[in-house]
C-alpha atoms as a PDB file:
ATOM      1  CA  UNK A   1     -43.712  34.152  25.716  1.00  0.00           C
ATOM      2  CA  UNK A   2     -45.371  31.745  27.969  1.00  0.00           C
ATOM      3  CA  UNK A   3     -44.435  28.528  29.869  1.00  0.00           C
ATOM      4  CA  UNK A   4     -46.671  26.273  31.462  1.00  0.00           C
ATOM      5  CA  UNK A   5     -46.169  24.177  34.701  1.00  0.00           C
ATOM      6  CA  UNK A   6     -48.260  21.107  36.842  1.00  0.00           C
ATOM      7  CA  UNK A   7     -48.512  22.150  40.317  1.00  0.00           C
ATOM      8  CA  UNK A   8     -48.337  19.830  43.377  1.00  0.00           C
ATOM      9  CA  UNK A   9     -49.300  22.480  45.590  1.00  0.00           C
ATOM     10  CA  UNK A  10     -51.501  25.280  44.075  1.00  0.00           C
ATOM     11  CA  UNK A  11     -52.308  26.964  47.527  1.00  0.00           C
ATOM     12  CA  UNK A  12     -48.505  27.038  48.408  1.00  0.00           C
ATOM     13  CA  UNK A  13     -47.870  28.465  44.876  1.00  0.00           C
ATOM     14  CA  UNK A  14     -50.470  31.327  45.199  1.00  0.00           C
ATOM     15  CA  UNK A  15     -49.239  32.368  48.216  1.00  0.00           C
ATOM     16  CA  UNK A  16     -45.557  32.559  46.610  1.00  0.00           C
ATOM     17  CA  UNK A  17     -47.066  34.761  43.816  1.00  0.00           C
ATOM     18  CA  UNK A  18     -48.672  37.093  46.581  1.00  0.00           C
ATOM     19  CA  UNK A  19     -45.460  37.306  48.489  1.00  0.00           C
ATOM     20  CA  UNK A  20     -43.630  38.326  45.195  1.00  0.00           C
ATOM     21  CA  UNK A  21     -45.738  40.968  44.590  1.00  0.00           C
ATOM     22  CA  UNK A  22     -48.609  39.211  42.652  1.00  0.00           C
ATOM     23  CA  UNK A  23     -51.909  41.686  41.975  1.00  0.00           C
ATOM     24  CA  UNK A  24     -54.859  39.467  41.559  1.00  0.00           C
ATOM     25  CA  UNK A  25     -56.726  41.024  38.678  1.00  0.00           C
ATOM     26  CA  UNK A  26     -59.419  38.173  37.643  1.00  0.00           C
ATOM     27  CA  UNK A  27     -61.076  35.063  38.014  1.00  0.00           C
ATOM     28  CA  UNK A  28     -62.638  32.905  35.827  1.00  0.00           C
ATOM     29  CA  UNK A  29     -63.857  29.611  34.777  1.00  0.00           C
ATOM     30  CA  UNK A  30     -64.755  28.391  30.786  1.00  0.00           C
ATOM     31  CA  UNK A  31     -64.957  25.355  28.629  1.00  0.00           C
ATOM     32  CA  UNK A  32     -62.914  24.854  25.611  1.00  0.00           C
ATOM     33  CA  UNK A  33     -64.657  22.455  22.803  1.00  0.00           C
ATOM     34  CA  UNK A  34     -61.553  21.857  20.513  1.00  0.00           C
ATOM     35  CA  UNK A  35     -62.346  21.124  16.968  1.00  0.00           C
ATOM     36  CA  UNK A  36     -60.847  19.072  14.424  1.00  0.00           C
ATOM     37  CA  UNK A  37     -61.075  19.046  10.718  1.00  0.00           C
ATOM     38  CA  UNK A  38     -63.411  16.508   8.955  1.00  0.00           C
ATOM     39  CA  UNK A  39     -60.523  15.751   6.622  1.00  0.00           C
ATOM     40  CA  UNK A  40     -57.983  15.075   9.023  1.00  0.00           C
ATOM     41  CA  UNK A  41     -55.901  16.311  12.007  1.00  0.00           C
ATOM     42  CA  UNK A  42     -55.288  20.177  12.482  1.00  0.00           C
ATOM     43  CA  UNK A  43     -51.512  21.399  11.616  1.00  0.00           C
ATOM     44  CA  UNK A  44     -49.178  20.876  14.340  1.00  0.00           C
ATOM     45  CA  UNK A  45     -49.204  23.669  16.873  1.00  0.00           C
ATOM     46  CA  UNK A  46     -52.909  25.047  15.231  1.00  0.00           C
ATOM     47  CA  UNK A  47     -56.113  24.889  17.100  1.00  0.00           C
ATOM     48  CA  UNK A  48     -59.564  25.932  16.608  1.00  0.00           C
ATOM     49  CA  UNK A  49     -62.142  25.757  19.769  1.00  0.00           C
ATOM     50  CA  UNK A  50     -65.077  27.314  20.831  1.00  0.00           C
ATOM     51  CA  UNK A  51     -64.776  28.718  24.160  1.00  0.00           C
ATOM     52  CA  UNK A  52     -67.878  29.025  26.540  1.00  0.00           C
ATOM     53  CA  UNK A  53     -67.379  30.908  30.053  1.00  0.00           C
ATOM     54  CA  UNK A  54     -69.237  29.928  33.047  1.00  0.00           C
ATOM     55  CA  UNK A  55     -71.806  30.595  34.267  1.00  0.00           C
ATOM     56  CA  UNK A  56     -72.769  32.683  31.405  1.00  0.00           C
ATOM     57  CA  UNK A  57     -71.522  34.715  28.605  1.00  0.00           C
ATOM     58  CA  UNK A  58     -70.812  35.135  24.902  1.00  0.00           C
ATOM     59  CA  UNK A  59     -69.406  31.960  23.307  1.00  0.00           C
ATOM     60  CA  UNK A  60     -66.373  32.612  20.842  1.00  0.00           C
ATOM     61  CA  UNK A  61     -64.725  30.776  17.984  1.00  0.00           C
ATOM     62  CA  UNK A  62     -61.028  31.153  18.757  1.00  0.00           C
ATOM     63  CA  UNK A  63     -58.202  30.369  16.408  1.00  0.00           C
ATOM     64  CA  UNK A  64     -54.492  29.819  17.789  1.00  0.00           C
ATOM     65  CA  UNK A  65     -51.301  28.753  16.340  1.00  0.00           C
ATOM     66  CA  UNK A  66     -47.957  28.286  18.581  1.00  0.00           C
ATOM     67  CA  UNK A  67     -44.686  27.362  18.180  1.00  0.00           C
ATOM     68  CA  UNK A  68     -42.467  25.519  20.709  1.00  0.00           C
ATOM     69  CA  UNK A  69     -38.913  26.749  21.219  1.00  0.00           C
ATOM     70  CA  UNK A  70     -35.835  25.956  23.564  1.00  0.00           C
ATOM     71  CA  UNK A  71     -33.507  28.634  24.892  1.00  0.00           C
ATOM     72  CA  UNK A  72     -30.432  27.298  27.366  1.00  0.00           C
ATOM     73  CA  UNK A  73     -33.265  24.462  29.140  1.00  0.00           C
ATOM     74  CA  UNK A  74     -36.280  27.241  28.789  1.00  0.00           C
ATOM     75  CA  UNK A  75     -38.745  25.526  27.020  1.00  0.00           C
ATOM     76  CA  UNK A  76     -41.650  27.904  26.191  1.00  0.00           C
ATOM     77  CA  UNK A  77     -44.122  28.783  23.515  1.00  0.00           C
ATOM     78  CA  UNK A  78     -44.599  31.938  21.230  1.00  0.00           C
ATOM     79  CA  UNK A  79     -47.538  32.800  19.184  1.00  0.00           C
ATOM     80  CA  UNK A  80     -47.422  32.904  15.231  1.00  0.00           C
ATOM     81  CA  UNK A  81     -50.743  35.102  15.151  1.00  0.00           C
ATOM     82  CA  UNK A  82     -51.010  38.751  15.707  1.00  0.00           C
ATOM     83  CA  UNK A  83     -52.258  39.241  19.172  1.00  0.00           C
ATOM     84  CA  UNK A  84     -52.214  35.719  20.121  1.00  0.00           C
ATOM     85  CA  UNK A  85     -55.800  34.004  19.896  1.00  0.00           C
ATOM     86  CA  UNK A  86     -57.799  35.398  16.898  1.00  0.00           C
ATOM     87  CA  UNK A  87     -61.599  35.662  17.719  1.00  0.00           C
ATOM     88  CA  UNK A  88     -63.002  34.344  14.432  1.00  0.00           C
ATOM     89  CA  UNK A  89     -66.730  34.785  15.449  1.00  0.00           C
ATOM     90  CA  UNK A  90     -68.857  35.592  18.790  1.00  0.00           C
ATOM     91  CA  UNK A  91     -72.354  34.323  19.577  1.00  0.00           C
ATOM     92  CA  UNK A  92     -73.939  31.493  21.047  1.00  0.00           C
ATOM     93  CA  UNK A  93     -72.348  28.288  21.409  1.00  0.00           C
ATOM     94  CA  UNK A  94     -74.608  26.505  18.918  1.00  0.00           C
ATOM     95  CA  UNK A  95     -73.880  29.404  16.501  1.00  0.00           C
ATOM     96  CA  UNK A  96     -70.301  29.267  16.951  1.00  0.00           C
ATOM     97  CA  UNK A  97     -70.288  25.395  16.306  1.00  0.00           C
ATOM     98  CA  UNK A  98     -72.383  25.886  12.902  1.00  0.00           C
ATOM     99  CA  UNK A  99     -69.780  28.546  11.833  1.00  0.00           C
ATOM    100  CA  UNK A 100     -66.806  25.890  12.556  1.00  0.00           C
ATOM    101  CA  UNK A 101     -68.854  23.082  10.872  1.00  0.00           C
ATOM    102  CA  UNK A 102     -69.208  25.393   7.696  1.00  0.00           C
ATOM    103  CA  UNK A 103     -65.540  25.394   7.608  1.00  0.00           C
ATOM    104  CA  UNK A 104     -65.188  21.703   7.675  1.00  0.00           C
ATOM    105  CA  UNK A 105     -64.513  21.183  11.532  1.00  0.00           C
ATOM    106  CA  UNK A 106     -66.162  18.802  14.257  1.00  0.00           C
ATOM    107  CA  UNK A 107     -66.459  18.759  17.825  1.00  0.00           C
ATOM    108  CA  UNK A 108     -63.134  16.690  18.989  1.00  0.00           C
ATOM    109  CA  UNK A 109     -62.872  16.963  22.955  1.00  0.00           C
ATOM    110  CA  UNK A 110     -63.567  19.383  25.625  1.00  0.00           C
ATOM    111  CA  UNK A 111     -60.970  21.019  28.260  1.00  0.00           C
ATOM    112  CA  UNK A 112     -62.523  22.555  31.263  1.00  0.00           C
ATOM    113  CA  UNK A 113     -60.568  25.496  32.758  1.00  0.00           C
ATOM    114  CA  UNK A 114     -61.837  25.683  36.533  1.00  0.00           C
ATOM    115  CA  UNK A 115     -61.074  27.817  39.191  1.00  0.00           C
ATOM    116  CA  UNK A 116     -58.921  29.953  36.926  1.00  0.00           C
ATOM    117  CA  UNK A 117     -57.005  33.166  38.804  1.00  0.00           C
ATOM    118  CA  UNK A 118     -55.066  35.463  37.139  1.00  0.00           C
ATOM    119  CA  UNK A 119     -52.219  38.097  38.870  1.00  0.00           C
ATOM    120  CA  UNK A 120     -50.104  40.690  37.548  1.00  0.00           C
ATOM    121  CA  UNK A 121     -46.377  41.054  38.156  1.00  0.00           C
ATOM    122  CA  UNK A 122     -44.076  43.362  37.694  1.00  0.00           C
ATOM    123  CA  UNK A 123     -42.361  43.674  34.437  1.00  0.00           C
ATOM    124  CA  UNK A 124     -45.323  42.929  32.403  1.00  0.00           C
ATOM    125  CA  UNK A 125     -45.427  39.342  33.644  1.00  0.00           C
ATOM    126  CA  UNK A 126     -48.971  37.627  34.080  1.00  0.00           C
ATOM    127  CA  UNK A 127     -49.599  34.245  36.245  1.00  0.00           C
ATOM    128  CA  UNK A 128     -52.300  32.061  35.919  1.00  0.00           C
ATOM    129  CA  UNK A 129     -53.484  29.319  37.936  1.00  0.00           C
ATOM    130  CA  UNK A 130     -56.146  26.932  37.090  1.00  0.00           C
ATOM    131  CA  UNK A 131     -57.460  23.327  37.528  1.00  0.00           C
ATOM    132  CA  UNK A 132     -57.796  21.327  33.873  1.00  0.00           C
ATOM    133  CA  UNK A 133     -60.231  18.654  33.254  1.00  0.00           C
ATOM    134  CA  UNK A 134     -60.861  16.753  30.174  1.00  0.00           C
ATOM    135  CA  UNK A 135     -64.003  15.034  28.408  1.00  0.00           C
ATOM    136  CA  UNK A 136     -64.492  12.885  25.371  1.00  0.00           C
ATOM    137  CA  UNK A 137     -67.814  11.302  25.190  1.00  0.00           C
ATOM    138  CA  UNK A 138     -67.979   9.015  28.468  1.00  0.00           C
ATOM    139  CA  UNK A 139     -64.362   9.195  29.117  1.00  0.00           C
ATOM    140  CA  UNK A 140     -63.193  12.046  31.880  1.00  0.00           C
ATOM    141  CA  UNK A 141     -59.839  12.800  33.134  1.00  0.00           C
ATOM    142  CA  UNK A 142     -58.382  15.037  35.638  1.00  0.00           C
ATOM    143  CA  UNK A 143     -55.175  16.774  34.946  1.00  0.00           C
ATOM    144  CA  UNK A 144     -54.759  18.827  38.271  1.00  0.00           C
ATOM    145  CA  UNK A 145     -53.683  22.114  39.007  1.00  0.00           C
ATOM    146  CA  UNK A 146     -51.272  24.040  36.324  1.00  0.00           C
ATOM    147  CA  UNK A 147     -49.378  27.258  36.121  1.00  0.00           C
ATOM    148  CA  UNK A 148     -48.983  29.307  33.518  1.00  0.00           C
ATOM    149  CA  UNK A 149     -46.234  32.354  33.576  1.00  0.00           C
ATOM    150  CA  UNK A 150     -46.105  34.735  30.400  1.00  0.00           C
ATOM    151  CA  UNK A 151     -44.190  37.376  29.571  1.00  0.00           C
ATOM    152  CA  UNK A 152     -45.486  39.863  27.126  1.00  0.00           C
ATOM    153  CA  UNK A 153     -43.306  42.116  24.605  1.00  0.00           C
ATOM    154  CA  UNK A 154     -42.148  41.522  20.942  1.00  0.00           C
ATOM    155  CA  UNK A 155     -38.306  41.510  22.031  1.00  0.00           C
ATOM    156  CA  UNK A 156     -37.602  37.824  22.772  1.00  0.00           C
ATOM    157  CA  UNK A 157     -34.485  38.455  24.349  1.00  0.00           C
ATOM    158  CA  UNK A 158     -35.990  40.978  26.920  1.00  0.00           C
ATOM    159  CA  UNK A 159     -39.305  39.017  27.389  1.00  0.00           C
ATOM    160  CA  UNK A 160     -36.785  35.608  28.157  1.00  0.00           C
ATOM    161  CA  UNK A 161     -35.093  37.703  30.649  1.00  0.00           C
ATOM    162  CA  UNK A 162     -38.321  38.725  32.512  1.00  0.00           C
ATOM    163  CA  UNK A 163     -39.526  35.424  32.327  1.00  0.00           C
ATOM    164  CA  UNK A 164     -36.717  33.888  34.005  1.00  0.00           C
ATOM    165  CA  UNK A 165     -36.497  36.518  36.554  1.00  0.00           C
ATOM    166  CA  UNK A 166     -40.259  35.755  37.731  1.00  0.00           C
ATOM    167  CA  UNK A 167     -39.614  31.931  37.377  1.00  0.00           C
ATOM    168  CA  UNK A 168     -36.766  32.434  40.114  1.00  0.00           C
ATOM    169  CA  UNK A 169     -38.936  34.407  42.143  1.00  0.00           C
ATOM    170  CA  UNK A 170     -41.670  31.781  41.929  1.00  0.00           C
ATOM    171  CA  UNK A 171     -39.399  28.877  42.559  1.00  0.00           C
ATOM    172  CA  UNK A 172     -40.093  27.419  39.222  1.00  0.00           C
ATOM    173  CA  UNK A 173     -37.518  25.519  37.846  1.00  0.00           C
ATOM    174  CA  UNK A 174     -37.081  26.587  34.075  1.00  0.00           C
ATOM    175  CA  UNK A 175     -36.423  22.994  32.903  1.00  0.00           C
ATOM    176  CA  UNK A 176     -39.701  21.524  34.121  1.00  0.00           C
ATOM    177  CA  UNK A 177     -41.962  23.314  31.952  1.00  0.00           C
ATOM    178  CA  UNK A 178     -44.533  21.524  29.988  1.00  0.00           C
ATOM    179  CA  UNK A 179     -43.123  21.337  26.305  1.00  0.00           C
ATOM    180  CA  UNK A 180     -46.865  21.565  24.427  1.00  0.00           C
ATOM    181  CA  UNK A 181     -50.350  23.139  25.012  1.00  0.00           C
ATOM    182  CA  UNK A 182     -53.060  22.331  27.273  1.00  0.00           C
ATOM    183  CA  UNK A 183     -55.150  20.875  24.526  1.00  0.00           C
ATOM    184  CA  UNK A 184     -52.440  18.502  23.726  1.00  0.00           C
ATOM    185  CA  UNK A 185     -52.001  17.406  27.406  1.00  0.00           C
ATOM    186  CA  UNK A 186     -55.605  16.677  27.718  1.00  0.00           C
ATOM    187  CA  UNK A 187     -55.790  14.791  24.273  1.00  0.00           C
ATOM    188  CA  UNK A 188     -52.803  12.477  25.347  1.00  0.00           C
ATOM    189  CA  UNK A 189     -54.724  11.840  29.040  1.00  0.00           C
ATOM    190  CA  UNK A 190     -57.940  11.043  26.932  1.00  0.00           C
ATOM    191  CA  UNK A 191     -55.933   8.515  24.979  1.00  0.00           C
ATOM    192  CA  UNK A 192     -54.734   6.788  28.044  1.00  0.00           C
ATOM    193  CA  UNK A 193     -58.473   6.950  29.572  1.00  0.00           C
ATOM    194  CA  UNK A 194     -57.219   8.019  33.073  1.00  0.00           C
ATOM    195  CA  UNK A 195     -54.730  10.250  35.061  1.00  0.00           C
ATOM    196  CA  UNK A 196     -52.922   9.331  38.098  1.00  0.00           C
ATOM    197  CA  UNK A 197     -51.532  12.011  40.208  1.00  0.00           C
ATOM    198  CA  UNK A 198     -48.016  12.619  38.544  1.00  0.00           C
ATOM    199  CA  UNK A 199     -48.379  10.847  35.120  1.00  0.00           C
ATOM    200  CA  UNK A 200     -48.773  14.069  33.137  1.00  0.00           C
ATOM    201  CA  UNK A 201     -45.093  14.817  31.705  1.00  0.00           C
ATOM    202  CA  UNK A 202     -43.100  16.698  32.815  1.00  0.00           C
ATOM    203  CA  UNK A 203     -43.239  16.225  36.693  1.00  0.00           C
ATOM    204  CA  UNK A 204     -44.909  18.867  38.532  1.00  0.00           C
ATOM    205  CA  UNK A 205     -43.244  21.805  40.029  1.00  0.00           C
ATOM    206  CA  UNK A 206     -43.300  23.545  43.301  1.00  0.00           C
ATOM    207  CA  UNK A 207     -42.039  26.616  44.839  1.00  0.00           C
ATOM    208  CA  UNK A 208     -38.412  25.948  45.658  1.00  0.00           C
ATOM    209  CA  UNK A 209     -38.467  22.714  44.151  1.00  0.00           C
ATOM    210  CA  UNK A 210     -36.635  21.298  41.193  1.00  0.00           C
ATOM    211  CA  UNK A 211     -37.928  18.770  38.874  1.00  0.00           C
ATOM    212  CA  UNK A 212     -37.795  15.161  39.973  1.00  0.00           C
ATOM    213  CA  UNK A 213     -36.276  12.395  37.816  1.00  0.00           C
END
């Protein structure tokens, strides 16, 4: 179970993560090449992507399927696949694309995940902060900083309780979460052609703040 927020002040938010006991466990940067089927769009909530880590590392062809749900103003996503993202193939970026093309897929656009950091909180809660950029051909967009808060576990009621508790400690409004995935946000921004501060819905969240109308 996970929920995403756009951040106005990533520096202050990361300080808040540490204040509530967050333990930094990893840092990363990678680029996802989102793929589309040549015969038409992908099913709703289903994404196929080639992930390439920066500066180097194995590339992977990943399949993901999520379902958006709402419970008492909390909008979150859950994976409908076992273990979350399914790794279909691992190798060079070129070979990953060849496998995808054999399945009938072609590149659509790119999502850059820069300056990513991952913290662990008590209660099997994970917090991710990253800077998101998008590219399609000559069009590039900047979506700014995002946070993802996720609670592990197959018991959704218990995971929701732990997720809500973590959001309260982090000062995030449960009702201000972005209802879709990052590929959806980037695709919408690329369609518009540019991104200005604050024009990605919903409004950004900040510790101690509420969603602005």
